[in-house]
C-alpha atoms as a PDB file:
ATOM      1  CA  MET A   1     153.200  46.151  73.562  1.00  0.00           C
ATOM      2  CA  LEU A   2     149.867  46.003  71.785  1.00  0.00           C
ATOM      3  CA  ILE A   3     148.072  46.057  75.109  1.00  0.00           C
ATOM      4  CA  THR A   4     149.921  49.225  76.106  1.00  0.00           C
ATOM      5  CA  ILE A   5     149.148  50.915  72.792  1.00  0.00           C
ATOM      6  CA  GLY A   6     145.489  49.887  73.098  1.00  0.00           C
ATOM      7  CA  ALA A   7     145.281  51.228  76.640  1.00  0.00           C
ATOM      8  CA  LEU A   8     146.806  54.556  75.577  1.00  0.00           C
ATOM      9  CA  ALA A   9     144.408  54.770  72.662  1.00  0.00           C
ATOM     10  CA  ALA A  10     141.476  54.076  74.974  1.00  0.00           C
ATOM     11  CA  VAL A  11     142.653  56.783  77.371  1.00  0.00           C
ATOM     12  CA  VAL A  12     142.984  59.272  74.513  1.00  0.00           C
ATOM     13  CA  LEU A  13     139.561  58.344  73.187  1.00  0.00           C
ATOM     14  CA  LEU A  14     137.907  58.611  76.576  1.00  0.00           C
ATOM     15  CA  SER A  15     139.635  61.937  77.211  1.00  0.00           C
ATOM     16  CA  ALA A  16     138.401  63.253  73.869  1.00  0.00           C
ATOM     17  CA  LEU A  17     134.866  62.091  74.605  1.00  0.00           C
ATOM     18  CA  ALA A  18     134.994  63.654  78.072  1.00  0.00           C
ATOM     19  CA  TYR A  19     136.326  66.908  76.653  1.00  0.00           C
ATOM     20  CA  ARG A  20     133.615  66.945  73.992  1.00  0.00           C
ATOM     21  CA  ARG A  21     130.972  66.255  76.610  1.00  0.00           C
ATOM     22  CA  LEU A  22     132.265  69.080  78.775  1.00  0.00           C
ATOM     23  CA  ASP A  23     132.374  71.330  75.733  1.00  0.00           C
ATOM     24  CA  LEU A  24     128.781  70.496  74.777  1.00  0.00           C
ATOM     25  CA  ARG A  25     127.477  70.505  78.353  1.00  0.00           C
ATOM     26  CA  PRO A  26     129.534  72.882  80.491  1.00  0.00           C
ATOM     27  CA  ARG A  27     129.272  72.162  84.183  1.00  0.00           C
ATOM     28  CA  THR A  28     130.468  73.580  87.460  1.00  0.00           C
ATOM     29  CA  ASP A  29     130.490  72.346  91.009  1.00  0.00           C
ATOM     30  CA  ASP A  30     131.044  75.908  92.233  1.00  0.00           C
ATOM     31  CA  ALA A  31     127.316  76.528  92.634  1.00  0.00           C
ATOM     32  CA  TYR A  32     124.771  77.163  95.348  1.00  0.00           C
ATOM     33  CA  LEU A  33     121.043  77.648  95.791  1.00  0.00           C
ATOM     34  CA  GLN A  34     119.625  81.145  96.033  1.00  0.00           C
ATOM     35  CA  ALA A  35     116.235  82.807  96.528  1.00  0.00           C
ATOM     36  CA  ASP A  36     115.094  86.397  96.750  1.00  0.00           C
ATOM     37  CA  LEU A  37     114.839  87.944 100.203  1.00  0.00           C
ATOM     38  CA  VAL A  38     112.292  90.323 101.653  1.00  0.00           C
ATOM     39  CA  HIS A  39     113.537  92.284 104.645  1.00  0.00           C
ATOM     40  CA  MET A  40     110.327  92.891 106.565  1.00  0.00           C
ATOM     41  CA  ALA A  41     110.135  96.432 107.894  1.00  0.00           C
ATOM     42  CA  PRO A  42     106.890  98.114 108.994  1.00  0.00           C
ATOM     43  CA  ASP A  43     105.617 101.238 107.259  1.00  0.00           C
ATOM     44  CA  VAL A  44     104.603 102.782 110.603  1.00  0.00           C
ATOM     45  CA  SER A  45     106.278 102.925 113.991  1.00  0.00           C
ATOM     46  CA  GLY A  46     104.762 101.517 117.139  1.00  0.00           C
ATOM     47  CA  ARG A  47     104.721  98.816 119.785  1.00  0.00           C
ATOM     48  CA  ILE A  48     104.201  95.242 118.523  1.00  0.00           C
ATOM     49  CA  VAL A  49     101.148  93.919 120.339  1.00  0.00           C
ATOM     50  CA  ARG A  50     100.931  90.564 118.565  1.00  0.00           C
ATOM     51  CA  LEU A  51     103.529  88.382 116.834  1.00  0.00           C
ATOM     52  CA  ASP A  52     101.948  85.647 114.726  1.00  0.00           C
ATOM     53  CA  VAL A  53     105.048  83.881 113.373  1.00  0.00           C
ATOM     54  CA  ARG A  54     108.151  82.158 114.662  1.00  0.00           C
ATOM     55  CA  ASP A  55     111.600  81.649 113.204  1.00  0.00           C
ATOM     56  CA  ASN A  56     111.836  79.214 110.244  1.00  0.00           C
ATOM     57  CA  GLN A  57     108.036  79.071 109.909  1.00  0.00           C
ATOM     58  CA  ALA A  58     106.500  78.762 106.450  1.00  0.00           C
ATOM     59  CA  VAL A  59     104.040  81.521 105.562  1.00  0.00           C
ATOM     60  CA  ARG A  60     101.675  82.161 102.700  1.00  0.00           C
ATOM     61  CA  ARG A  61     101.143  85.395 100.812  1.00  0.00           C
ATOM     62  CA  GLY A  62      98.730  87.574 102.820  1.00  0.00           C
ATOM     63  CA  ASP A  63      99.265  85.865 106.194  1.00  0.00           C
ATOM     64  CA  THR A  64      99.456  88.228 109.165  1.00  0.00           C
ATOM     65  CA  LEU A  65     103.019  88.431 110.467  1.00  0.00           C
ATOM     66  CA  PHE A  66     102.655  90.868 113.339  1.00  0.00           C
ATOM     67  CA  THR A  67     100.430  93.701 114.491  1.00  0.00           C
ATOM     68  CA  ILE A  68     101.503  97.127 115.688  1.00  0.00           C
ATOM     69  CA  ASP A  69      99.374  98.816 118.346  1.00  0.00           C
ATOM     70  CA  PRO A  70      96.555 100.340 116.262  1.00  0.00           C
ATOM     71  CA  GLU A  71      95.107 102.609 118.985  1.00  0.00           C
ATOM     72  CA  PRO A  72      97.172 105.766 118.227  1.00  0.00           C
ATOM     73  CA  PHE A  73      96.479 105.406 114.515  1.00  0.00           C
ATOM     74  CA  ARG A  74      92.765 104.822 115.136  1.00  0.00           C
ATOM     75  CA  LEU A  75      92.610 108.051 117.166  1.00  0.00           C
ATOM     76  CA  GLN A  76      94.436 109.940 114.432  1.00  0.00           C
ATOM     77  CA  ALA A  77      91.983 108.615 111.857  1.00  0.00           C
ATOM     78  CA  GLU A  78      89.007 109.651 114.023  1.00  0.00           C
ATOM     79  CA  GLU A  79      90.481 113.121 114.511  1.00  0.00           C
ATOM     80  CA  ALA A  80      91.018 113.496 110.750  1.00  0.00           C
ATOM     81  CA  ARG A  81      87.479 112.227 110.077  1.00  0.00           C
ATOM     82  CA  ASP A  82      85.996 114.760 112.538  1.00  0.00           C
ATOM     83  CA  GLN A  83      87.944 117.534 110.856  1.00  0.00           C
ATOM     84  CA  VAL A  84      86.544 116.513 107.472  1.00  0.00           C
ATOM     85  CA  LEU A  85      82.987 116.472 108.848  1.00  0.00           C
ATOM     86  CA  GLY A  86      83.466 119.887 110.479  1.00  0.00           C
ATOM     87  CA  LEU A  87      84.784 121.424 107.273  1.00  0.00           C
ATOM     88  CA  GLN A  88      81.943 119.875 105.289  1.00  0.00           C
ATOM     89  CA  ALA A  89      79.397 121.487 107.653  1.00  0.00           C
ATOM     90  CA  GLN A  90      81.237 124.812 107.521  1.00  0.00           C
ATOM     91  CA  LEU A  91      81.358 124.629 103.741  1.00  0.00           C
ATOM     92  CA  SER A  92      77.606 123.998 103.598  1.00  0.00           C
ATOM     93  CA  ILE A  93      76.892 127.053 105.792  1.00  0.00           C
ATOM     94  CA  THR A  94      79.281 129.188 103.744  1.00  0.00           C
ATOM     95  CA  ALA A  95      77.654 128.037 100.520  1.00  0.00           C
ATOM     96  CA  ASN A  96      74.247 129.152 101.831  1.00  0.00           C
ATOM     97  CA  THR A  97      75.718 132.496 102.851  1.00  0.00           C
ATOM     98  CA  VAL A  98      77.276 132.964  99.428  1.00  0.00           C
ATOM     99  CA  ALA A  99      73.936 132.139  97.791  1.00  0.00           C
ATOM    100  CA  SER A 100      72.225 134.808  99.931  1.00  0.00           C
ATOM    101  CA  GLN A 101      74.936 137.331  99.078  1.00  0.00           C
ATOM    102  CA  ASN A 102      74.553 136.581  95.393  1.00  0.00           C
ATOM    103  CA  SER A 103      70.805 137.142  95.713  1.00  0.00           C
ATOM    104  CA  ARG A 104      71.391 140.545  97.309  1.00  0.00           C
ATOM    105  CA  ALA A 105      73.870 141.426  94.554  1.00  0.00           C
ATOM    106  CA  ALA A 106      71.313 140.417  91.926  1.00  0.00           C
ATOM    107  CA  ALA A 107      68.667 142.556  93.657  1.00  0.00           C
ATOM    108  CA  ALA A 108      71.076 145.503  93.685  1.00  0.00           C
ATOM    109  CA  ASN A 109      71.671 145.067  89.968  1.00  0.00           C
ATOM    110  CA  THR A 110      67.892 145.087  89.446  1.00  0.00           C
ATOM    111  CA  ALA A 111      67.693 148.333  91.427  1.00  0.00           C
ATOM    112  CA  ILE A 112      70.210 149.857  89.037  1.00  0.00           C
ATOM    113  CA  ALA A 113      67.974 149.023  86.115  1.00  0.00           C
ATOM    114  CA  GLY A 114      64.997 150.667  87.890  1.00  0.00           C
ATOM    115  CA  ALA A 115      67.023 153.778  88.707  1.00  0.00           C
ATOM    116  CA  GLN A 116      68.172 154.008  85.086  1.00  0.00           C
ATOM    117  CA  ALA A 117      64.549 153.833  83.930  1.00  0.00           C
ATOM    118  CA  GLN A 118      63.543 156.589  86.380  1.00  0.00           C
ATOM    119  CA  LEU A 119      66.398 158.783  85.167  1.00  0.00           C
ATOM    120  CA  ALA A 120      65.451 158.250  81.551  1.00  0.00           C
ATOM    121  CA  LEU A 121      61.830 159.172  82.317  1.00  0.00           C
ATOM    122  CA  ALA A 122      62.839 162.300  84.261  1.00  0.00           C
ATOM    123  CA  SER A 123      65.224 163.396  81.525  1.00  0.00           C
ATOM    124  CA  SER A 124      62.546 162.863  78.874  1.00  0.00           C
ATOM    125  CA  THR A 125      59.973 164.860  80.881  1.00  0.00           C
ATOM    126  CA  LEU A 126      62.376 167.767  81.380  1.00  0.00           C
ATOM    127  CA  ALA A 127      63.323 167.760  77.701  1.00  0.00           C
ATOM    128  CA  ARG A 128      59.629 167.941  76.765  1.00  0.00           C
ATOM    129  CA  LEU A 129      58.715 170.756  79.238  1.00  0.00           C
ATOM    130  CA  GLU A 130      61.625 173.143  78.718  1.00  0.00           C
ATOM    131  CA  PRO A 131      60.614 174.209  75.142  1.00  0.00           C
ATOM    132  CA  LEU A 132      57.041 174.846  76.343  1.00  0.00           C
ATOM    133  CA  LEU A 133      58.135 177.304  79.050  1.00  0.00           C
ATOM    134  CA  SER A 134      58.946 180.133  76.638  1.00  0.00           C
ATOM    135  CA  ARG A 135      55.624 179.677  74.881  1.00  0.00           C
ATOM    136  CA  GLY A 136      53.679 179.866  78.131  1.00  0.00           C
ATOM    137  CA  PHE A 137      52.230 176.378  77.985  1.00  0.00           C
ATOM    138  CA  VAL A 138      53.917 175.360  81.289  1.00  0.00           C
ATOM    139  CA  THR A 139      54.950 177.277  84.355  1.00  0.00           C
ATOM    140  CA  ALA A 140      58.479 177.753  85.668  1.00  0.00           C
ATOM    141  CA  LEU A 141      57.470 175.746  88.718  1.00  0.00           C
ATOM    142  CA  GLN A 142      56.701 172.728  86.572  1.00  0.00           C
ATOM    143  CA  VAL A 143      60.053 172.997  84.846  1.00  0.00           C
ATOM    144  CA  ASP A 144      61.850 173.337  88.187  1.00  0.00           C
ATOM    145  CA  GLN A 145      60.008 170.280  89.485  1.00  0.00           C
ATOM    146  CA  ALA A 146      61.091 168.297  86.389  1.00  0.00           C
ATOM    147  CA  ARG A 147      64.690 169.382  86.872  1.00  0.00           C
ATOM    148  CA  THR A 148      64.537 168.367  90.538  1.00  0.00           C
ATOM    149  CA  ALA A 149      63.068 165.001  89.552  1.00  0.00           C
ATOM    150  CA  ARG A 150      65.930 164.417  87.099  1.00  0.00           C
ATOM    151  CA  ARG A 151      68.589 165.301  89.705  1.00  0.00           C
ATOM    152  CA  SER A 152      66.877 163.018  92.198  1.00  0.00           C
ATOM    153  CA  ALA A 153      66.874 160.217  89.619  1.00  0.00           C
ATOM    154  CA  GLU A 154      70.605 160.760  88.982  1.00  0.00           C
ATOM    155  CA  VAL A 155      71.333 160.538  92.700  1.00  0.00           C
ATOM    156  CA  SER A 156      69.198 157.419  93.016  1.00  0.00           C
ATOM    157  CA  LEU A 157      71.094 155.794  90.135  1.00  0.00           C
ATOM    158  CA  GLN A 158      74.429 156.665  91.728  1.00  0.00           C
ATOM    159  CA  VAL A 159      73.285 155.225  95.062  1.00  0.00           C
ATOM    160  CA  ALA A 160      72.005 152.054  93.361  1.00  0.00           C
ATOM    161  CA  ARG A 161      75.310 151.554  91.580  1.00  0.00           C
ATOM    162  CA  GLN A 162      77.266 152.032  94.806  1.00  0.00           C
ATOM    163  CA  GLN A 163      75.007 149.571  96.645  1.00  0.00           C
ATOM    164  CA  ALA A 164      75.396 147.044  93.848  1.00  0.00           C
ATOM    165  CA  GLN A 165      79.189 147.367  93.975  1.00  0.00           C
ATOM    166  CA  GLU A 166      79.213 146.915  97.741  1.00  0.00           C
ATOM    167  CA  ALA A 167      76.909 143.907  97.437  1.00  0.00           C
ATOM    168  CA  GLN A 168      79.157 142.338  94.805  1.00  0.00           C
ATOM    169  CA  GLN A 169      82.258 142.954  96.903  1.00  0.00           C
ATOM    170  CA  GLY A 170      80.495 141.418  99.882  1.00  0.00           C
ATOM    171  CA  VAL A 171      80.013 138.097  98.103  1.00  0.00           C
ATOM    172  CA  SER A 172      82.429 135.669  99.759  1.00  0.00           C
ATOM    173  CA  SER A 173      83.997 132.533  98.205  1.00  0.00           C
ATOM    174  CA  THR A 174      83.969 128.882  99.162  1.00  0.00           C
ATOM    175  CA  LYS A 175      87.350 128.237  97.507  1.00  0.00           C
ATOM    176  CA  PRO A 176      89.456 128.505 100.717  1.00  0.00           C
ATOM    177  CA  LEU A 177      87.176 126.084 102.536  1.00  0.00           C
ATOM    178  CA  GLU A 178      87.169 123.725  99.575  1.00  0.00           C
ATOM    179  CA  GLN A 179      90.975 123.668  99.635  1.00  0.00           C
ATOM    180  CA  GLN A 180      91.007 123.037 103.380  1.00  0.00           C
ATOM    181  CA  LEU A 181      88.506 120.217 102.913  1.00  0.00           C
ATOM    182  CA  ALA A 182      90.644 118.630 100.197  1.00  0.00           C
ATOM    183  CA  ALA A 183      93.688 118.750 102.492  1.00  0.00           C
ATOM    184  CA  ALA A 184      91.657 117.289 105.373  1.00  0.00           C
ATOM    185  CA  ARG A 185      90.430 114.446 103.164  1.00  0.00           C
ATOM    186  CA  ALA A 186      94.021 113.681 102.136  1.00  0.00           C
ATOM    187  CA  ALA A 187      95.045 113.643 105.803  1.00  0.00           C
ATOM    188  CA  LEU A 188      92.150 111.279 106.552  1.00  0.00           C
ATOM    189  CA  ALA A 189      93.187 108.944 103.723  1.00  0.00           C
ATOM    190  CA  LEU A 190      96.767 108.901 105.049  1.00  0.00           C
ATOM    191  CA  ALA A 191      95.562 108.221 108.598  1.00  0.00           C
ATOM    192  CA  GLU A 192      93.331 105.359 107.416  1.00  0.00           C
ATOM    193  CA  ARG A 193      96.229 103.953 105.384  1.00  0.00           C
ATOM    194  CA  ASN A 194      98.533 104.049 108.405  1.00  0.00           C
ATOM    195  CA  LEU A 195      95.848 102.300 110.447  1.00  0.00           C
ATOM    196  CA  ARG A 196      95.621  99.527 107.856  1.00  0.00           C
ATOM    197  CA  LEU A 197      99.408  99.172 107.805  1.00  0.00           C
ATOM    198  CA  THR A 198      99.510  98.311 111.507  1.00  0.00           C
ATOM    199  CA  ASP A 199      98.513  94.820 110.367  1.00  0.00           C
ATOM    200  CA  VAL A 200     101.703  93.641 108.633  1.00  0.00           C
ATOM    201  CA  ARG A 201     101.175  90.784 106.156  1.00  0.00           C
ATOM    202  CA  ALA A 202     103.447  88.510 104.154  1.00  0.00           C
ATOM    203  CA  PRO A 203     104.090  89.855 100.633  1.00  0.00           C
ATOM    204  CA  CYS A 204     104.877  86.392  99.247  1.00  0.00           C
ATOM    205  CA  ASP A 205     105.066  82.702 100.034  1.00  0.00           C
ATOM    206  CA  GLY A 206     108.188  82.074 102.038  1.00  0.00           C
ATOM    207  CA  ARG A 207     109.940  81.144 105.234  1.00  0.00           C
ATOM    208  CA  ILE A 208     110.748  83.342 108.199  1.00  0.00           C
ATOM    209  CA  THR A 209     114.410  83.687 109.079  1.00  0.00           C
ATOM    210  CA  GLY A 210     116.410  85.861 111.419  1.00  0.00           C
ATOM    211  CA  LEU A 211     113.490  86.371 113.826  1.00  0.00           C
ATOM    212  CA  ASP A 212     114.765  87.208 117.317  1.00  0.00           C
ATOM    213  CA  ILE A 213     112.072  89.526 118.704  1.00  0.00           C
ATOM    214  CA  ALA A 214     108.890  89.020 120.689  1.00  0.00           C
ATOM    215  CA  ALA A 215     105.632  90.880 121.207  1.00  0.00           C
ATOM    216  CA  GLY A 216     106.307  94.117 123.051  1.00  0.00           C
ATOM    217  CA  GLU A 217     109.219  95.137 120.838  1.00  0.00           C
ATOM    218  CA  PHE A 218     109.013  98.693 119.497  1.00  0.00           C
ATOM    219  CA  ALA A 219     109.182  98.693 115.706  1.00  0.00           C
ATOM    220  CA  ASP A 220     110.612 101.634 113.781  1.00  0.00           C
ATOM    221  CA  ALA A 221     109.221 102.398 110.341  1.00  0.00           C
ATOM    222  CA  GLY A 222     111.630 101.259 107.645  1.00  0.00           C
ATOM    223  CA  HIS A 223     113.783  99.232 110.073  1.00  0.00           C
ATOM    224  CA  PRO A 224     113.798  95.486 109.202  1.00  0.00           C
ATOM    225  CA  LEU A 225     112.761  93.153 112.006  1.00  0.00           C
ATOM    226  CA  PHE A 226     113.373  89.845 110.235  1.00  0.00           C
ATOM    227  CA  THR A 227     113.649  88.378 106.748  1.00  0.00           C
ATOM    228  CA  ILE A 228     111.362  86.301 104.541  1.00  0.00           C
ATOM    229  CA  ILE A 229     112.921  83.903 102.056  1.00  0.00           C
ATOM    230  CA  ASP A 230     110.753  84.146  98.939  1.00  0.00           C
ATOM    231  CA  THR A 231     110.081  80.484  98.150  1.00  0.00           C
ATOM    232  CA  GLU A 232     107.921  81.196  95.114  1.00  0.00           C
ATOM    233  CA  ASP A 233     111.040  81.106  92.905  1.00  0.00           C
ATOM    234  CA  TRP A 234     114.305  79.279  93.555  1.00  0.00           C
ATOM    235  CA  TYR A 235     117.558  79.717  91.693  1.00  0.00           C
ATOM    236  CA  ALA A 236     120.895  77.988  91.394  1.00  0.00           C
ATOM    237  CA  VAL A 237     123.840  80.296  90.895  1.00  0.00           C
ATOM    238  CA  GLY A 238     126.757  78.575  89.192  1.00  0.00           C
ATOM    239  CA  ASN A 239     130.133  80.219  88.666  1.00  0.00           C
ATOM    240  CA  PHE A 240     131.249  79.201  85.154  1.00  0.00           C
ATOM    241  CA  ARG A 241     134.616  79.813  83.543  1.00  0.00           C
ATOM    242  CA  GLU A 242     134.626  82.690  81.105  1.00  0.00           C
ATOM    243  CA  THR A 243     135.640  80.232  78.373  1.00  0.00           C
ATOM    244  CA  ASP A 244     132.303  78.423  78.830  1.00  0.00           C
ATOM    245  CA  LEU A 245     130.060  81.478  78.633  1.00  0.00           C
ATOM    246  CA  GLY A 246     129.985  81.612  74.835  1.00  0.00           C
ATOM    247  CA  GLY A 247     127.564  78.707  74.615  1.00  0.00           C
ATOM    248  CA  ILE A 248     125.400  79.661  77.612  1.00  0.00           C
ATOM    249  CA  HIS A 249     122.383  81.814  76.823  1.00  0.00           C
ATOM    250  CA  PRO A 250     119.159  82.695  78.655  1.00  0.00           C
ATOM    251  CA  GLY A 251     116.499  80.110  77.958  1.00  0.00           C
ATOM    252  CA  ARG A 252     118.908  77.160  77.792  1.00  0.00           C
ATOM    253  CA  HIS A 253     117.940  74.039  79.698  1.00  0.00           C
ATOM    254  CA  ALA A 254     120.044  73.197  82.746  1.00  0.00           C
ATOM    255  CA  THR A 255     120.180  70.407  85.274  1.00  0.00           C
ATOM    256  CA  VAL A 256     120.976  71.079  88.915  1.00  0.00           C
ATOM    257  CA  TYR A 257     122.161  68.484  91.413  1.00  0.00           C
ATOM    258  CA  VAL A 258     121.842  69.514  95.040  1.00  0.00           C
ATOM    259  CA  LEU A 259     124.627  68.122  97.200  1.00  0.00           C
ATOM    260  CA  GLY A 260     122.128  67.011  99.826  1.00  0.00           C
ATOM    261  CA  ALA A 261     120.429  64.680  97.320  1.00  0.00           C
ATOM    262  CA  PRO A 262     122.715  64.232  94.292  1.00  0.00           C
ATOM    263  CA  ARG A 263     120.512  61.508  92.800  1.00  0.00           C
ATOM    264  CA  GLU A 264     117.533  63.867  92.465  1.00  0.00           C
ATOM    265  CA  PRO A 265     118.225  66.106  89.450  1.00  0.00           C
ATOM    266  CA  VAL A 266     116.265  69.338  89.270  1.00  0.00           C
ATOM    267  CA  ASP A 267     115.426  70.871  85.899  1.00  0.00           C
ATOM    268  CA  GLY A 268     116.011  74.528  85.337  1.00  0.00           C
ATOM    269  CA  THR A 269     116.371  77.279  82.748  1.00  0.00           C
ATOM    270  CA  VAL A 270     119.199  79.762  82.358  1.00  0.00           C
ATOM    271  CA  ASP A 271     117.756  83.047  83.599  1.00  0.00           C
ATOM    272  CA  SER A 272     120.685  85.425  83.222  1.00  0.00           C
ATOM    273  CA  LEU A 273     124.474  85.707  83.082  1.00  0.00           C
ATOM    274  CA  GLY A 274     126.558  87.906  85.322  1.00  0.00           C
ATOM    275  CA  TRP A 275     128.227  90.859  83.635  1.00  0.00           C
ATOM    276  CA  GLY A 276     130.904  91.649  86.158  1.00  0.00           C
ATOM    277  CA  VAL A 277     132.920  90.450  89.137  1.00  0.00           C
ATOM    278  CA  THR A 278     135.445  92.225  91.323  1.00  0.00           C
ATOM    279  CA  PRO A 279     138.953  91.458  90.056  1.00  0.00           C
ATOM    280  CA  ASP A 280     141.616  90.342  92.512  1.00  0.00           C
ATOM    281  CA  GLU A 281     144.222  92.574  90.872  1.00  0.00           C
ATOM    282  CA  GLY A 282     144.368  95.613  88.680  1.00  0.00           C
ATOM    283  CA  THR A 283     141.857  97.667  90.652  1.00  0.00           C
ATOM    284  CA  THR A 284     141.959 101.468  90.651  1.00  0.00           C
ATOM    285  CA  LEU A 285     143.511 103.224  93.652  1.00  0.00           C
ATOM    286  CA  GLY A 286     143.601 107.008  93.958  1.00  0.00           C
ATOM    287  CA  GLY A 287     142.512 107.448  90.343  1.00  0.00           C
ATOM    288  CA  LEU A 288     145.366 105.321  88.978  1.00  0.00           C
ATOM    289  CA  PRO A 289     145.224 101.643  87.999  1.00  0.00           C
ATOM    290  CA  ARG A 290     147.145  99.330  90.304  1.00  0.00           C
ATOM    291  CA  VAL A 291     149.130  96.745  88.322  1.00  0.00           C
ATOM    292  CA  PRO A 292     151.247  94.226  90.267  1.00  0.00           C
ATOM    293  CA  ARG A 293     154.978  94.035  89.473  1.00  0.00           C
ATOM    294  CA  SER A 294     154.973  90.248  89.323  1.00  0.00           C
ATOM    295  CA  LEU A 295     153.067  88.225  86.762  1.00  0.00           C
ATOM    296  CA  ASN A 296     151.649  84.796  87.356  1.00  0.00           C
ATOM    297  CA  TRP A 297     152.465  82.851  84.213  1.00  0.00           C
ATOM    298  CA  VAL A 298     149.688  80.359  84.884  1.00  0.00           C
ATOM    299  CA  ARG A 299     146.517  82.110  83.719  1.00  0.00           C
ATOM    300  CA  ILE A 300     143.379  80.924  85.487  1.00  0.00           C
ATOM    301  CA  ALA A 301     140.104  81.658  83.726  1.00  0.00           C
ATOM    302  CA  GLN A 302     137.839  84.050  85.578  1.00  0.00           C
ATOM    303  CA  ARG A 303     134.471  82.737  86.711  1.00  0.00           C
ATOM    304  CA  PHE A 304     131.186  84.556  86.215  1.00  0.00           C
ATOM    305  CA  PRO A 305     127.883  83.724  87.914  1.00  0.00           C
ATOM    306  CA  VAL A 306     125.085  82.193  85.844  1.00  0.00           C
ATOM    307  CA  ARG A 307     121.606  82.312  87.363  1.00  0.00           C
ATOM    308  CA  ILE A 308     119.409  79.234  86.792  1.00  0.00           C
ATOM    309  CA  LEU A 309     115.657  79.403  87.479  1.00  0.00           C
ATOM    310  CA  LEU A 310     114.566  76.027  88.879  1.00  0.00           C
ATOM    311  CA  ASP A 311     111.429  74.283  87.605  1.00  0.00           C
ATOM    312  CA  HIS A 312     109.292  72.732  90.358  1.00  0.00           C
ATOM    313  CA  PRO A 313     112.140  72.377  92.868  1.00  0.00           C
ATOM    314  CA  PRO A 314     111.562  69.921  95.749  1.00  0.00           C
ATOM    315  CA  PRO A 315     110.852  72.089  98.817  1.00  0.00           C
ATOM    316  CA  ALA A 316     112.736  69.777 101.164  1.00  0.00           C
ATOM    317  CA  LEU A 317     116.019  70.461  99.339  1.00  0.00           C
ATOM    318  CA  MET A 318     115.677  74.201  98.936  1.00  0.00           C
ATOM    319  CA  ARG A 319     117.928  76.109 101.319  1.00  0.00           C
ATOM    320  CA  ILE A 320     119.781  79.304 100.543  1.00  0.00           C
ATOM    321  CA  GLY A 321     123.497  78.614 100.198  1.00  0.00           C
ATOM    322  CA  ALA A 322     123.156  74.851  99.736  1.00  0.00           C
ATOM    323  CA  SER A 323     125.928  73.430  97.548  1.00  0.00           C
ATOM    324  CA  ALA A 324     125.003  72.295  94.066  1.00  0.00           C
ATOM    325  CA  VAL A 325     126.358  71.209  90.698  1.00  0.00           C
ATOM    326  CA  VAL A 326     125.032  72.858  87.523  1.00  0.00           C
ATOM    327  CA  VAL A 327     125.144  71.359  84.029  1.00  0.00           C
ATOM    328  CA  VAL A 328     123.975  73.491  81.094  1.00  0.00           C
ATOM    329  CA  ASP A 329     122.817  71.988  77.784  1.00  0.00           C
ATOM    330  CA  ARG A 330     124.002  73.898  74.735  1.00  0.00           C
END
């Protein structure tokens, strides 16, 4: 009898210790390894002339993955460059022409000043001679000549002003050519960029996956050809019961055991907690909530994903989707 009571007490004690351990260090075996993915799609379209990688190969950031035929893009860049050079030469010639036109306009304005001086002199001479005519100091011919000189000076001033206006209106502008040159330079920069992008490089350290093409394939811009697994950061995603989430916070230490090598624990840090999952029941249909008629009296806690950033994970164990166990320290 005492043995039975002692055994029951030991079971209760061990159960309490196990429960406390689980409460202090929540764990889940519903976990897997995860890494970010880069779906490699070219920025330009063209025929692949060289493929430098194979499926499952490890690559480093900046390694060349494949090369699209650069010849069409090189020709486009040369055409854009020639257009820029032609507009630059045309702009230089136009600038010289504008300078010459401005000089002629300045000369016409100077002629106006001379004509104004001649008119002032003629007017002054006439004003001085007219009072002397009645007193017999000058002849009528002299007065008539002064009047003719003043009218001639007025006409000359009018002609000078008209010539100056025409010269000013004849001054052209370099603004249209400058705008065309700016557009041509932008087109050249875009063409040179497209030429550079024919050499497609790895954006991160990783491994190639899903590669089933060969050199000669035509690549469409924006259409993924294969995928790179970003191996710079690895994560374990563990689905924890909602009752365990209260003590799990970003920054908490976690230990991850990969099923392929359960005796090699991997340290990690809680990166983030999931904020939503798709419910099995109670979804909205046609604007109205769908609630099932029957009710399962056994309530199972919902699970939410917790993302664990791994510290120095062993590369040999890191595979997307590999099974794992996650234990979080509170």
